[in-house]
PDB file of all heavy atoms in Angstrom:
ATOM      1  N   LEU A   1     109.661  82.433 120.117  1.00  0.00           N
ATOM      2  CA  LEU A   1     111.037  82.640 119.649  1.00  0.00           C
ATOM      3  C   LEU A   1     111.994  82.039 120.648  1.00  0.00           C
ATOM      4  O   LEU A   1     111.846  82.092 121.829  1.00  0.00           O
ATOM      5  CB  LEU A   1     111.330  84.133 119.476  1.00  0.00           C
ATOM      6  CG  LEU A   1     110.436  84.941 118.622  1.00  0.00           C
ATOM      7  CD1 LEU A   1     110.856  86.406 118.618  1.00  0.00           C
ATOM      8  CD2 LEU A   1     110.468  84.422 117.174  1.00  0.00           C
ATOM      9  N   ALA A   2     113.031  81.370 120.087  1.00  0.00           N
ATOM     10  CA  ALA A   2     114.071  80.754 120.909  1.00  0.00           C
ATOM     11  C   ALA A   2     115.461  81.109 120.405  1.00  0.00           C
ATOM     12  O   ALA A   2     115.803  80.799 119.242  1.00  0.00           O
ATOM     13  CB  ALA A   2     113.889  79.213 120.914  1.00  0.00           C
ATOM     14  N   GLU A   3     116.230  81.823 121.210  1.00  0.00           N
ATOM     15  CA  GLU A   3     117.598  82.187 120.834  1.00  0.00           C
ATOM     16  C   GLU A   3     118.584  81.144 121.228  1.00  0.00           C
ATOM     17  O   GLU A   3     118.407  80.428 122.254  1.00  0.00           O
ATOM     18  CB  GLU A   3     118.018  83.541 121.529  1.00  0.00           C
ATOM     19  CG  GLU A   3     117.067  84.705 121.207  1.00  0.00           C
ATOM     20  CD  GLU A   3     116.034  84.927 122.292  1.00  0.00           C
ATOM     21  OE1 GLU A   3     115.713  83.899 123.006  1.00  0.00           O
ATOM     22  OE2 GLU A   3     115.550  86.033 122.452  1.00  0.00           O
ATOM     23  N   SER A   4     119.615  81.027 120.504  1.00  0.00           N
ATOM     24  CA  SER A   4     120.758  80.120 120.806  1.00  0.00           C
ATOM     25  C   SER A   4     122.073  80.615 120.281  1.00  0.00           C
ATOM     26  O   SER A   4     122.085  81.552 119.436  1.00  0.00           O
ATOM     27  CB  SER A   4     120.486  78.693 120.230  1.00  0.00           C
ATOM     28  OG  SER A   4     120.390  78.766 118.802  1.00  0.00           O
ATOM     29  N   GLY A   5     123.191  80.098 120.687  1.00  0.00           N
ATOM     30  CA  GLY A   5     124.470  80.453 120.189  1.00  0.00           C
ATOM     31  C   GLY A   5     125.302  81.332 121.068  1.00  0.00           C
ATOM     32  O   GLY A   5     126.473  81.626 120.756  1.00  0.00           O
ATOM     33  N   GLY A   6     124.772  81.756 122.190  1.00  0.00           N
ATOM     34  CA  GLY A   6     125.529  82.574 123.118  1.00  0.00           C
ATOM     35  C   GLY A   6     126.596  81.803 123.849  1.00  0.00           C
ATOM     36  O   GLY A   6     126.631  80.548 123.753  1.00  0.00           O
ATOM     37  N   GLY A   7     127.506  82.498 124.536  1.00  0.00           N
ATOM     38  CA  GLY A   7     128.573  81.867 125.211  1.00  0.00           C
ATOM     39  C   GLY A   7     129.670  82.833 125.655  1.00  0.00           C
ATOM     40  O   GLY A   7     129.475  84.024 125.572  1.00  0.00           O
ATOM     41  N   LEU A   8     130.780  82.285 126.096  1.00  0.00           N
ATOM     42  CA  LEU A   8     131.909  83.056 126.543  1.00  0.00           C
ATOM     43  C   LEU A   8     132.978  83.065 125.430  1.00  0.00           C
ATOM     44  O   LEU A   8     133.385  82.025 124.992  1.00  0.00           O
ATOM     45  CB  LEU A   8     132.484  82.427 127.799  1.00  0.00           C
ATOM     46  CG  LEU A   8     133.769  83.019 128.355  1.00  0.00           C
ATOM     47  CD1 LEU A   8     133.580  84.510 128.768  1.00  0.00           C
ATOM     48  CD2 LEU A   8     134.323  82.251 129.537  1.00  0.00           C
ATOM     49  N   VAL A   9     133.407  84.249 125.057  1.00  0.00           N
ATOM     50  CA  VAL A   9     134.424  84.408 124.062  1.00  0.00           C
ATOM     51  C   VAL A   9     135.441  85.473 124.471  1.00  0.00           C
ATOM     52  O   VAL A   9     135.128  86.353 125.306  1.00  0.00           O
ATOM     53  CB  VAL A   9     133.877  84.783 122.673  1.00  0.00           C
ATOM     54  CG1 VAL A   9     132.949  83.690 122.112  1.00  0.00           C
ATOM     55  CG2 VAL A   9     133.122  86.132 122.757  1.00  0.00           C
ATOM     56  N   GLN A  10     136.642  85.428 123.895  1.00  0.00           N
ATOM     57  CA  GLN A  10     137.689  86.448 124.205  1.00  0.00           C
ATOM     58  C   GLN A  10     137.474  87.652 123.296  1.00  0.00           C
ATOM     59  O   GLN A  10     136.861  87.555 122.232  1.00  0.00           O
ATOM     60  CB  GLN A  10     139.051  85.831 123.940  1.00  0.00           C
ATOM     61  CG  GLN A  10     139.423  84.661 124.895  1.00  0.00           C
ATOM     62  CD  GLN A  10     140.825  84.175 124.622  1.00  0.00           C
ATOM     63  OE1 GLN A  10     141.312  84.223 123.515  1.00  0.00           O
ATOM     64  NE2 GLN A  10     141.462  83.689 125.658  1.00  0.00           N
ATOM     65  N   PRO A  11     137.945  88.780 123.753  1.00  0.00           N
ATOM     66  CA  PRO A  11     137.855  90.008 122.882  1.00  0.00           C
ATOM     67  C   PRO A  11     138.480  89.732 121.515  1.00  0.00           C
ATOM     68  O   PRO A  11     139.581  89.106 121.451  1.00  0.00           O
ATOM     69  CB  PRO A  11     138.674  91.039 123.687  1.00  0.00           C
ATOM     70  CG  PRO A  11     138.564  90.596 125.112  1.00  0.00           C
ATOM     71  CD  PRO A  11     138.521  89.111 125.068  1.00  0.00           C
ATOM     72  N   GLY A  12     137.847  90.178 120.490  1.00  0.00           N
ATOM     73  CA  GLY A  12     138.316  89.948 119.142  1.00  0.00           C
ATOM     74  C   GLY A  12     137.725  88.703 118.483  1.00  0.00           C
ATOM     75  O   GLY A  12     137.885  88.467 117.303  1.00  0.00           O
ATOM     76  N   GLY A  13     137.035  87.884 119.337  1.00  0.00           N
ATOM     77  CA  GLY A  13     136.480  86.656 118.811  1.00  0.00           C
ATOM     78  C   GLY A  13     135.133  86.831 118.147  1.00  0.00           C
ATOM     79  O   GLY A  13     134.624  87.986 117.983  1.00  0.00           O
ATOM     80  N   SER A  14     134.523  85.773 117.720  1.00  0.00           N
ATOM     81  CA  SER A  14     133.253  85.812 117.001  1.00  0.00           C
ATOM     82  C   SER A  14     132.238  84.833 117.604  1.00  0.00           C
ATOM     83  O   SER A  14     132.593  83.768 118.130  1.00  0.00           O
ATOM     84  CB  SER A  14     133.477  85.431 115.544  1.00  0.00           C
ATOM     85  OG  SER A  14     134.316  86.381 114.920  1.00  0.00           O
ATOM     86  N   LEU A  15     130.991  85.118 117.412  1.00  0.00           N
ATOM     87  CA  LEU A  15     129.855  84.276 117.756  1.00  0.00           C
ATOM     88  C   LEU A  15     128.743  84.501 116.732  1.00  0.00           C
ATOM     89  O   LEU A  15     128.619  85.551 116.193  1.00  0.00           O
ATOM     90  CB  LEU A  15     129.301  84.600 119.164  1.00  0.00           C
ATOM     91  CG  LEU A  15     130.039  84.065 120.387  1.00  0.00           C
ATOM     92  CD1 LEU A  15     129.332  84.576 121.649  1.00  0.00           C
ATOM     93  CD2 LEU A  15     130.035  82.536 120.401  1.00  0.00           C
ATOM     94  N   ARG A  16     127.949  83.466 116.574  1.00  0.00           N
ATOM     95  CA  ARG A  16     126.765  83.520 115.657  1.00  0.00           C
ATOM     96  C   ARG A  16     125.574  83.111 116.469  1.00  0.00           C
ATOM     97  O   ARG A  16     125.457  82.036 116.917  1.00  0.00           O
ATOM     98  CB  ARG A  16     126.929  82.647 114.464  1.00  0.00           C
ATOM     99  CG  ARG A  16     125.806  82.909 113.417  1.00  0.00           C
ATOM    100  CD  ARG A  16     125.993  82.038 112.171  1.00  0.00           C
ATOM    101  NE  ARG A  16     124.999  82.292 111.180  1.00  0.00           N
ATOM    102  CZ  ARG A  16     125.069  83.236 110.229  1.00  0.00           C
ATOM    103  NH1 ARG A  16     126.155  84.017 110.183  1.00  0.00           N
ATOM    104  NH2 ARG A  16     124.041  83.348 109.344  1.00  0.00           N
ATOM    105  N   LEU A  17     124.666  84.096 116.641  1.00  0.00           N
ATOM    106  CA  LEU A  17     123.377  83.852 117.326  1.00  0.00           C
ATOM    107  C   LEU A  17     122.352  83.473 116.374  1.00  0.00           C
ATOM    108  O   LEU A  17     122.285  83.998 115.232  1.00  0.00           O
ATOM    109  CB  LEU A  17     122.982  85.111 118.102  1.00  0.00           C
ATOM    110  CG  LEU A  17     123.987  85.689 119.106  1.00  0.00           C
ATOM    111  CD1 LEU A  17     123.347  86.860 119.831  1.00  0.00           C
ATOM    112  CD2 LEU A  17     124.472  84.631 120.102  1.00  0.00           C
ATOM    113  N   SER A  18     121.452  82.627 116.800  1.00  0.00           N
ATOM    114  CA  SER A  18     120.350  82.213 115.928  1.00  0.00           C
ATOM    115  C   SER A  18     119.028  82.341 116.697  1.00  0.00           C
ATOM    116  O   SER A  18     118.944  82.024 117.864  1.00  0.00           O
ATOM    117  CB  SER A  18     120.524  80.764 115.484  1.00  0.00           C
ATOM    118  OG  SER A  18     119.504  80.396 114.594  1.00  0.00           O
ATOM    119  N   CYS A  19     118.029  82.788 115.997  1.00  0.00           N
ATOM    120  CA  CYS A  19     116.663  82.909 116.554  1.00  0.00           C
ATOM    121  C   CYS A  19     115.742  82.064 115.777  1.00  0.00           C
ATOM    122  O   CYS A  19     115.563  82.343 114.523  1.00  0.00           O
ATOM    123  CB  CYS A  19     116.178  84.373 116.528  1.00  0.00           C
ATOM    124  SG  CYS A  19     114.456  84.614 116.981  1.00  0.00           S
ATOM    125  N   ALA A  20     115.121  81.051 116.355  1.00  0.00           N
ATOM    126  CA  ALA A  20     114.194  80.177 115.669  1.00  0.00           C
ATOM    127  C   ALA A  20     112.793  80.483 116.080  1.00  0.00           C
ATOM    128  O   ALA A  20     112.449  80.556 117.295  1.00  0.00           O
ATOM    129  CB  ALA A  20     114.560  78.704 116.015  1.00  0.00           C
ATOM    130  N   ALA A  21     111.925  80.656 115.091  1.00  0.00           N
ATOM    131  CA  ALA A  21     110.523  81.027 115.330  1.00  0.00           C
ATOM    132  C   ALA A  21     109.634  79.825 115.027  1.00  0.00           C
ATOM    133  O   ALA A  21     109.876  79.018 114.151  1.00  0.00           O
ATOM    134  CB  ALA A  21     110.085  82.173 114.459  1.00  0.00           C
ATOM    135  N   SER A  22     108.578  79.733 115.797  1.00  0.00           N
ATOM    136  CA  SER A  22     107.518  78.729 115.596  1.00  0.00           C
ATOM    137  C   SER A  22     106.119  79.381 115.668  1.00  0.00           C
ATOM    138  O   SER A  22     105.947  80.303 116.497  1.00  0.00           O
ATOM    139  CB  SER A  22     107.656  77.606 116.586  1.00  0.00           C
ATOM    140  OG  SER A  22     107.504  78.029 117.940  1.00  0.00           O
ATOM    141  N   GLY A  23     105.181  78.894 114.896  1.00  0.00           N
ATOM    142  CA  GLY A  23     103.886  79.517 114.914  1.00  0.00           C
ATOM    143  C   GLY A  23     103.877  80.758 114.052  1.00  0.00           C
ATOM    144  O   GLY A  23     104.927  81.332 113.700  1.00  0.00           O
ATOM    145  N   GLY A  24     102.643  81.195 113.596  1.00  0.00           N
ATOM    146  CA  GLY A  24     102.516  82.378 112.826  1.00  0.00           C
ATOM    147  C   GLY A  24     103.100  82.224 111.447  1.00  0.00           C
ATOM    148  O   GLY A  24     103.520  81.144 111.029  1.00  0.00           O
ATOM    149  N   THR A  25     103.119  83.302 110.662  1.00  0.00           N
ATOM    150  CA  THR A  25     103.766  83.332 109.358  1.00  0.00           C
ATOM    151  C   THR A  25     104.954  84.151 109.386  1.00  0.00           C
ATOM    152  O   THR A  25     104.929  85.422 109.391  1.00  0.00           O
ATOM    153  CB  THR A  25     102.706  83.883 108.295  1.00  0.00           C
ATOM    154  OG1 THR A  25     101.521  83.098 108.317  1.00  0.00           O
ATOM    155  CG2 THR A  25     103.346  83.806 106.890  1.00  0.00           C
ATOM    156  N   PHE A  26     106.133  83.538 109.399  1.00  0.00           N
ATOM    157  CA  PHE A  26     107.400  84.231 109.720  1.00  0.00           C
ATOM    158  C   PHE A  26     107.710  85.338 108.708  1.00  0.00           C
ATOM    159  O   PHE A  26     108.186  86.421 109.100  1.00  0.00           O
ATOM    160  CB  PHE A  26     108.511  83.188 109.639  1.00  0.00           C
ATOM    161  CG  PHE A  26     109.870  83.774 110.020  1.00  0.00           C
ATOM    162  CD1 PHE A  26     110.159  84.080 111.344  1.00  0.00           C
ATOM    163  CD2 PHE A  26     110.822  83.962 109.070  1.00  0.00           C
ATOM    164  CE1 PHE A  26     111.394  84.588 111.683  1.00  0.00           C
ATOM    165  CE2 PHE A  26     112.063  84.469 109.385  1.00  0.00           C
ATOM    166  CZ  PHE A  26     112.320  84.783 110.712  1.00  0.00           C
ATOM    167  N   SER A  27     107.362  85.167 107.427  1.00  0.00           N
ATOM    168  CA  SER A  27     107.671  86.158 106.418  1.00  0.00           C
ATOM    169  C   SER A  27     106.835  87.435 106.606  1.00  0.00           C
ATOM    170  O   SER A  27     107.129  88.459 105.912  1.00  0.00           O
ATOM    171  CB  SER A  27     107.491  85.565 105.044  1.00  0.00           C
ATOM    172  OG  SER A  27     106.126  85.227 104.836  1.00  0.00           O
ATOM    173  N   MET A  28     105.803  87.443 107.429  1.00  0.00           N
ATOM    174  CA  MET A  28     105.007  88.615 107.614  1.00  0.00           C
ATOM    175  C   MET A  28     105.578  89.562 108.681  1.00  0.00           C
ATOM    176  O   MET A  28     104.996  90.625 108.965  1.00  0.00           O
ATOM    177  CB  MET A  28     103.600  88.238 108.084  1.00  0.00           C
ATOM    178  CG  MET A  28     102.741  87.431 107.082  1.00  0.00           C
ATOM    179  SD  MET A  28     102.309  88.504 105.739  1.00  0.00           S
ATOM    180  CE  MET A  28     101.283  87.362 104.753  1.00  0.00           C
ATOM    181  N   TYR A  29     106.747  89.234 109.234  1.00  0.00           N
ATOM    182  CA  TYR A  29     107.335  90.002 110.316  1.00  0.00           C
ATOM    183  C   TYR A  29     108.700  90.538 109.969  1.00  0.00           C
ATOM    184  O   TYR A  29     109.545  89.905 109.330  1.00  0.00           O
ATOM    185  CB  TYR A  29     107.434  89.155 111.572  1.00  0.00           C
ATOM    186  CG  TYR A  29     106.104  88.656 112.112  1.00  0.00           C
ATOM    187  CD1 TYR A  29     105.563  87.431 111.721  1.00  0.00           C
ATOM    188  CD2 TYR A  29     105.389  89.468 113.004  1.00  0.00           C
ATOM    189  CE1 TYR A  29     104.372  86.976 112.196  1.00  0.00           C
ATOM    190  CE2 TYR A  29     104.172  88.992 113.482  1.00  0.00           C
ATOM    191  CZ  TYR A  29     103.637  87.741 113.083  1.00  0.00           C
ATOM    192  OH  TYR A  29     102.411  87.324 113.586  1.00  0.00           O
ATOM    193  N   THR A  30     108.944  91.742 110.500  1.00  0.00           N
ATOM    194  CA  THR A  30     110.279  92.296 110.612  1.00  0.00           C
ATOM    195  C   THR A  30     111.000  91.667 111.779  1.00  0.00           C
ATOM    196  O   THR A  30     110.390  91.431 112.826  1.00  0.00           O
ATOM    197  CB  THR A  30     110.199  93.814 110.785  1.00  0.00           C
ATOM    198  OG1 THR A  30     109.711  94.446 109.615  1.00  0.00           O
ATOM    199  CG2 THR A  30     111.610  94.422 111.119  1.00  0.00           C
ATOM    200  N   GLY A  31     112.246  91.337 111.601  1.00  0.00           N
ATOM    201  CA  GLY A  31     113.059  90.689 112.690  1.00  0.00           C
ATOM    202  C   GLY A  31     114.078  91.652 113.240  1.00  0.00           C
ATOM    203  O   GLY A  31     114.520  92.562 112.555  1.00  0.00           O
ATOM    204  N   ALA A  32     114.435  91.435 114.487  1.00  0.00           N
ATOM    205  CA  ALA A  32     115.415  92.340 115.110  1.00  0.00           C
ATOM    206  C   ALA A  32     116.128  91.637 116.306  1.00  0.00           C
ATOM    207  O   ALA A  32     115.636  90.614 116.809  1.00  0.00           O
ATOM    208  CB  ALA A  32     114.739  93.625 115.614  1.00  0.00           C
ATOM    209  N   TRP A  33     117.248  92.213 116.627  1.00  0.00           N
ATOM    210  CA  TRP A  33     118.012  91.782 117.822  1.00  0.00           C
ATOM    211  C   TRP A  33     118.141  93.013 118.719  1.00  0.00           C
ATOM    212  O   TRP A  33     118.537  94.126 118.256  1.00  0.00           O
ATOM    213  CB  TRP A  33     119.371  91.229 117.467  1.00  0.00           C
ATOM    214  CG  TRP A  33     119.321  89.853 116.857  1.00  0.00           C
ATOM    215  CD1 TRP A  33     119.222  89.512 115.601  1.00  0.00           C
ATOM    216  CD2 TRP A  33     119.328  88.640 117.605  1.00  0.00           C
ATOM    217  NE1 TRP A  33     119.256  88.170 115.425  1.00  0.00           N
ATOM    218  CE2 TRP A  33     119.240  87.563 116.646  1.00  0.00           C
ATOM    219  CE3 TRP A  33     119.422  88.294 118.970  1.00  0.00           C
ATOM    220  CZ2 TRP A  33     119.269  86.230 117.011  1.00  0.00           C
ATOM    221  CZ3 TRP A  33     119.405  86.980 119.336  1.00  0.00           C
ATOM    222  CH2 TRP A  33     119.348  85.939 118.364  1.00  0.00           C
ATOM    223  N   PHE A  34     117.958  92.808 120.020  1.00  0.00           N
ATOM    224  CA  PHE A  34     118.210  93.804 121.053  1.00  0.00           C
ATOM    225  C   PHE A  34     119.156  93.146 122.100  1.00  0.00           C
ATOM    226  O   PHE A  34     119.317  91.911 122.071  1.00  0.00           O
ATOM    227  CB  PHE A  34     116.893  94.220 121.739  1.00  0.00           C
ATOM    228  CG  PHE A  34     115.971  95.021 120.869  1.00  0.00           C
ATOM    229  CD1 PHE A  34     115.178  94.383 119.940  1.00  0.00           C
ATOM    230  CD2 PHE A  34     115.909  96.415 120.999  1.00  0.00           C
ATOM    231  CE1 PHE A  34     114.332  95.115 119.131  1.00  0.00           C
ATOM    232  CE2 PHE A  34     115.080  97.153 120.226  1.00  0.00           C
ATOM    233  CZ  PHE A  34     114.290  96.505 119.250  1.00  0.00           C
ATOM    234  N   ARG A  35     119.698  93.960 122.974  1.00  0.00           N
ATOM    235  CA  ARG A  35     120.542  93.427 123.998  1.00  0.00           C
ATOM    236  C   ARG A  35     120.460  94.254 125.264  1.00  0.00           C
ATOM    237  O   ARG A  35     120.129  95.444 125.235  1.00  0.00           O
ATOM    238  CB  ARG A  35     122.009  93.341 123.553  1.00  0.00           C
ATOM    239  CG  ARG A  35     122.705  94.695 123.405  1.00  0.00           C
ATOM    240  CD  ARG A  35     124.110  94.557 122.768  1.00  0.00           C
ATOM    241  NE  ARG A  35     124.817  95.775 122.637  1.00  0.00           N
ATOM    242  CZ  ARG A  35     126.017  95.949 122.066  1.00  0.00           C
ATOM    243  NH1 ARG A  35     126.597  94.881 121.537  1.00  0.00           N
ATOM    244  NH2 ARG A  35     126.568  97.139 121.958  1.00  0.00           N
ATOM    245  N   GLN A  36     120.756  93.603 126.385  1.00  0.00           N
ATOM    246  CA  GLN A  36     120.672  94.255 127.704  1.00  0.00           C
ATOM    247  C   GLN A  36     122.002  93.996 128.425  1.00  0.00           C
ATOM    248  O   GLN A  36     122.151  92.883 128.992  1.00  0.00           O
ATOM    249  CB  GLN A  36     119.508  93.830 128.510  1.00  0.00           C
ATOM    250  CG  GLN A  36     119.306  94.569 129.791  1.00  0.00           C
ATOM    251  CD  GLN A  36     117.985  94.302 130.456  1.00  0.00           C
ATOM    252  OE1 GLN A  36     117.314  93.320 130.167  1.00  0.00           O
ATOM    253  NE2 GLN A  36     117.608  95.173 131.426  1.00  0.00           N
TER     254      GLN A  36
END
């Protein structure tokens, strides 16, 4: 898995993160986002 789309934004702004998968059968999996 490879995440992209992060960056620096001001409060009230927007961002769109994307997770691209390779290998396996993607439709066989539940997807999720976590943060630290």
